[in-house]
N, C-alpha and C. Protein backbone atom coordinates (compact mmCIF):
# COMPACT_ATOMS: atom_id res chain seq x y z
N MET A 1 0.87 -1.12 0.00
CA MET A 1 0.08 -0.17 0.10
C MET A 1 0.86 1.18 -0.02
N SER A 2 0.55 2.19 -0.89
CA SER A 2 1.53 3.33 -0.90
C SER A 2 0.95 4.27 0.11
N ILE A 3 1.85 5.48 0.11
CA ILE A 3 1.56 6.38 1.22
C ILE A 3 0.19 7.16 0.68
N THR A 4 0.01 7.29 -0.54
CA THR A 4 -1.15 8.12 -1.01
C THR A 4 -2.43 7.33 -0.87
N ASP A 5 -2.32 5.97 -0.88
CA ASP A 5 -3.43 5.17 -0.56
C ASP A 5 -3.81 5.23 0.90
N ALA A 6 -2.91 5.13 1.82
CA ALA A 6 -3.04 5.31 3.24
C ALA A 6 -3.67 6.65 3.51
N LEU A 7 -3.13 7.86 2.80
CA LEU A 7 -3.80 9.05 2.99
C LEU A 7 -5.38 9.20 2.75
N VAL A 8 -5.51 8.59 1.63
CA VAL A 8 -7.01 8.72 1.23
C VAL A 8 -7.89 7.78 2.06
N MET A 9 -7.50 6.75 2.55
CA MET A 9 -8.10 6.03 3.43
C MET A 9 -8.32 6.63 4.71
N ALA A 10 -7.28 7.30 5.15
CA ALA A 10 -7.13 8.03 6.40
C ALA A 10 -8.31 9.05 6.46
N THR A 11 -8.73 9.76 5.33
CA THR A 11 -9.61 10.78 5.13
C THR A 11 -11.04 10.17 5.40
N PHE A 12 -11.40 9.06 5.40
CA PHE A 12 -12.73 8.41 5.78
C PHE A 12 -12.84 8.01 7.19
N THR A 13 -11.79 8.12 7.84
CA THR A 13 -11.86 7.61 9.46
C THR A 13 -12.12 8.96 10.14
N VAL A 14 -12.08 10.23 9.60
CA VAL A 14 -12.40 11.41 10.47
C VAL A 14 -13.75 11.92 9.84
N PRO A 15 -14.82 12.19 10.43
CA PRO A 15 -15.86 12.87 9.95
C PRO A 15 -15.59 14.15 9.45
N GLU A 16 -16.44 14.71 8.42
CA GLU A 16 -16.33 15.95 7.97
C GLU A 16 -17.01 17.07 8.97
N LYS A 17 -16.53 18.14 9.47
CA LYS A 17 -16.98 18.84 10.37
C LYS A 17 -17.72 19.92 9.63
N ILE A 18 -19.29 19.86 9.63
CA ILE A 18 -19.90 20.85 8.96
C ILE A 18 -20.85 21.55 10.25
N THR A 19 -20.41 22.71 9.96
CA THR A 19 -21.09 23.65 10.99
C THR A 19 -22.23 24.37 10.50
N THR A 20 -23.11 25.27 11.33
CA THR A 20 -24.33 25.87 10.66
C THR A 20 -24.06 27.14 9.93
N ASP A 21 -22.95 27.64 9.71
CA ASP A 21 -22.61 28.69 9.21
C ASP A 21 -23.28 28.76 7.76
N PRO A 22 -23.65 29.92 7.04
CA PRO A 22 -23.97 29.98 5.62
C PRO A 22 -23.19 29.20 4.62
N GLN A 23 -21.92 29.27 4.72
CA GLN A 23 -20.98 28.54 3.68
C GLN A 23 -21.26 27.24 4.01
N SER A 24 -21.22 26.51 5.14
CA SER A 24 -21.44 25.02 5.38
C SER A 24 -22.83 24.60 4.91
N MET A 25 -23.64 25.38 4.87
CA MET A 25 -24.94 25.09 4.40
C MET A 25 -25.07 24.91 2.87
N LEU A 26 -24.23 25.35 2.19
CA LEU A 26 -24.03 25.26 0.82
C LEU A 26 -23.74 23.51 0.54
N TRP A 27 -23.26 22.89 1.43
CA TRP A 27 -23.14 21.50 1.20
C TRP A 27 -24.55 20.81 1.07
N LEU A 28 -25.48 21.44 1.43
CA LEU A 28 -26.94 20.81 1.15
C LEU A 28 -27.33 20.60 -0.01
N LEU A 29 -26.84 21.64 -0.88
CA LEU A 29 -27.39 21.78 -2.47
C LEU A 29 -26.84 20.51 -3.25
N PRO A 30 -25.86 19.91 -3.08
CA PRO A 30 -25.48 18.70 -3.85
C PRO A 30 -26.40 17.51 -3.50
N LEU A 31 -26.56 17.40 -2.09
CA LEU A 31 -27.39 16.56 -1.64
C LEU A 31 -28.81 16.61 -2.24
N VAL A 32 -29.42 17.95 -2.25
CA VAL A 32 -30.69 18.14 -2.68
C VAL A 32 -30.89 17.66 -4.17
N ALA A 33 -29.84 18.05 -4.98
CA ALA A 33 -29.59 17.81 -6.24
C ALA A 33 -29.65 16.27 -6.60
N ALA A 34 -28.92 15.57 -5.70
CA ALA A 34 -28.96 14.10 -5.93
C ALA A 34 -30.43 13.52 -5.56
N ILE A 35 -30.99 14.14 -4.61
CA ILE A 35 -32.31 13.51 -4.09
C ILE A 35 -33.18 13.81 -5.24
N ALA A 36 -33.21 14.89 -5.73
CA ALA A 36 -34.34 15.36 -6.95
C ALA A 36 -34.00 14.40 -8.05
N ILE A 37 -32.70 14.27 -8.38
CA ILE A 37 -32.52 13.33 -9.73
C ILE A 37 -32.96 12.08 -9.46
N VAL A 38 -32.61 11.48 -8.42
CA VAL A 38 -32.88 9.99 -8.13
C VAL A 38 -34.59 9.78 -8.02
N TYR A 39 -35.12 10.89 -7.30
CA TYR A 39 -36.59 10.67 -7.13
C TYR A 39 -37.13 10.80 -8.58
N LYS A 40 -36.89 11.66 -9.36
CA LYS A 40 -37.59 11.90 -10.73
C LYS A 40 -37.30 10.72 -11.61
N ALA A 41 -35.91 10.17 -11.54
CA ALA A 41 -35.80 8.82 -12.04
C ALA A 41 -36.28 7.69 -11.95
N THR A 42 -37.00 7.68 -10.77
CA THR A 42 -37.67 6.50 -10.34
C THR A 42 -39.32 6.78 -10.38
N LYS A 43 -39.80 8.19 -10.58
CA LYS A 43 -41.18 8.39 -10.61
C LYS A 43 -41.47 8.70 -12.12
N LEU A 44 -40.71 9.19 -12.89
CA LEU A 44 -41.25 9.55 -14.24
C LEU A 44 -41.53 8.24 -15.15
N PRO A 45 -42.61 8.02 -15.62
CA PRO A 45 -42.85 6.88 -16.40
C PRO A 45 -42.13 6.63 -17.66
N GLU A 46 -41.83 7.83 -18.45
CA GLU A 46 -40.94 7.74 -19.60
C GLU A 46 -39.90 8.87 -19.35
N ILE A 47 -38.43 8.47 -19.46
CA ILE A 47 -37.58 9.57 -19.34
C ILE A 47 -37.08 10.10 -20.63
N LYS A 48 -37.67 11.31 -20.85
CA LYS A 48 -36.97 12.17 -21.87
C LYS A 48 -36.11 13.13 -21.58
N ILE A 49 -34.99 13.26 -22.01
CA ILE A 49 -34.06 14.19 -21.31
C ILE A 49 -34.37 15.68 -20.97
N ALA A 50 -35.10 16.19 -21.94
CA ALA A 50 -35.70 17.68 -21.76
C ALA A 50 -36.62 17.62 -20.60
N ASN A 51 -37.60 16.62 -20.54
CA ASN A 51 -38.67 16.64 -19.59
C ASN A 51 -37.94 16.24 -18.27
N PHE A 52 -36.96 15.32 -18.29
CA PHE A 52 -36.32 14.81 -16.81
C PHE A 52 -35.71 16.07 -16.19
N VAL A 53 -34.90 16.72 -17.30
CA VAL A 53 -34.22 18.08 -16.61
C VAL A 53 -34.99 19.00 -16.02
N LYS A 54 -35.97 19.36 -16.89
CA LYS A 54 -37.13 20.33 -16.27
C LYS A 54 -37.56 19.90 -15.08
N GLU A 55 -38.14 18.60 -15.13
CA GLU A 55 -38.68 18.11 -13.70
C GLU A 55 -37.88 17.98 -12.44
N SER A 56 -36.50 17.71 -12.78
CA SER A 56 -35.62 17.65 -11.81
C SER A 56 -35.25 19.01 -11.23
N VAL A 57 -35.07 19.99 -12.04
CA VAL A 57 -34.80 21.45 -11.78
C VAL A 57 -35.95 22.07 -10.90
N LEU A 58 -37.13 21.74 -11.40
CA LEU A 58 -38.44 22.10 -10.49
C LEU A 58 -38.30 21.41 -9.18
N LEU A 59 -38.05 20.33 -9.22
CA LEU A 59 -38.07 19.68 -7.84
C LEU A 59 -36.97 20.20 -6.91
N PHE A 60 -35.86 20.22 -7.46
CA PHE A 60 -34.61 20.72 -6.82
C PHE A 60 -35.04 22.37 -6.27
N GLY A 61 -35.54 22.96 -7.04
CA GLY A 61 -36.01 24.49 -6.73
C GLY A 61 -37.15 24.53 -5.60
N SER A 62 -38.10 23.69 -5.63
CA SER A 62 -39.07 23.69 -4.66
C SER A 62 -38.55 23.15 -3.40
N ILE A 63 -37.57 22.29 -3.45
CA ILE A 63 -37.07 21.76 -2.16
C ILE A 63 -36.25 22.93 -1.47
N VAL A 64 -35.28 23.46 -2.30
CA VAL A 64 -34.48 24.53 -1.63
C VAL A 64 -35.33 25.70 -1.29
N ILE A 65 -36.51 26.14 -1.90
CA ILE A 65 -37.34 27.22 -1.56
C ILE A 65 -38.08 27.04 -0.26
N PHE A 66 -38.59 25.73 -0.22
CA PHE A 66 -39.26 25.26 1.09
C PHE A 66 -38.23 25.20 2.31
N MET A 67 -36.86 24.74 2.13
CA MET A 67 -36.15 24.88 3.10
C MET A 67 -35.71 26.12 3.57
N PHE A 68 -35.53 27.13 2.64
CA PHE A 68 -35.40 28.46 2.88
C PHE A 68 -36.36 29.26 3.62
N VAL A 69 -37.75 28.99 3.30
CA VAL A 69 -38.91 29.56 3.73
C VAL A 69 -38.91 28.86 5.33
N THR A 70 -38.82 27.57 5.49
CA THR A 70 -38.74 27.02 6.73
C THR A 70 -37.74 27.47 7.82
N ALA A 71 -36.62 27.76 7.26
CA ALA A 71 -35.51 28.49 7.96
C ALA A 71 -35.90 29.66 8.50
N LEU A 72 -36.53 30.61 7.44
CA LEU A 72 -37.04 31.86 8.02
C LEU A 72 -37.85 31.72 8.83
N VAL A 73 -38.78 30.92 9.05
CA VAL A 73 -39.93 30.81 10.07
C VAL A 73 -39.19 30.38 11.34
N LEU A 74 -38.43 29.32 11.34
CA LEU A 74 -37.94 28.88 12.59
C LEU A 74 -37.13 29.85 13.08
N TYR A 75 -36.08 30.68 12.27
CA TYR A 75 -35.46 31.89 12.74
C TYR A 75 -36.35 32.96 13.45
N SER A 76 -37.45 33.19 12.78
CA SER A 76 -38.32 34.15 13.33
C SER A 76 -39.06 33.75 14.46
N ILE A 77 -39.39 32.66 14.85
CA ILE A 77 -39.98 32.09 15.84
C ILE A 77 -38.75 32.11 17.26
N ALA A 78 -37.56 31.66 16.83
CA ALA A 78 -36.38 31.87 17.74
C ALA A 78 -36.08 33.29 18.20
N TRP A 79 -36.17 34.00 17.09
CA TRP A 79 -36.13 35.60 17.61
C TRP A 79 -37.04 36.25 18.53
N LEU A 80 -38.45 35.89 18.47
CA LEU A 80 -39.54 36.09 19.04
C LEU A 80 -39.51 35.71 20.43
N ILE A 81 -39.10 34.45 20.40
CA ILE A 81 -38.95 33.70 22.06
C ILE A 81 -37.86 34.33 22.68
N ILE A 82 -36.59 34.68 22.06
CA ILE A 82 -35.55 35.32 22.72
C ILE A 82 -35.86 36.82 23.18
N GLU A 83 -36.41 37.54 22.28
CA GLU A 83 -36.64 38.96 22.75
C GLU A 83 -37.45 39.10 23.78
């Protein structure tokens, strides 16, 4: 085993530290994209590339908007409780 292999395997033994700052929240976007693509791939009766991309983008956007609105509502509730 080379040193490169050992270093690559070592990166999987330490969990990635993801905080709650806005920059770290961007890691949610690839996860949402994967969820939207896989969901649409399993739910569309016939996959045509134009329709598939349109449906996946719409689902991706709706999930991101829903998460944003939910975050704003929860932030507002927390702000009202603290004040």
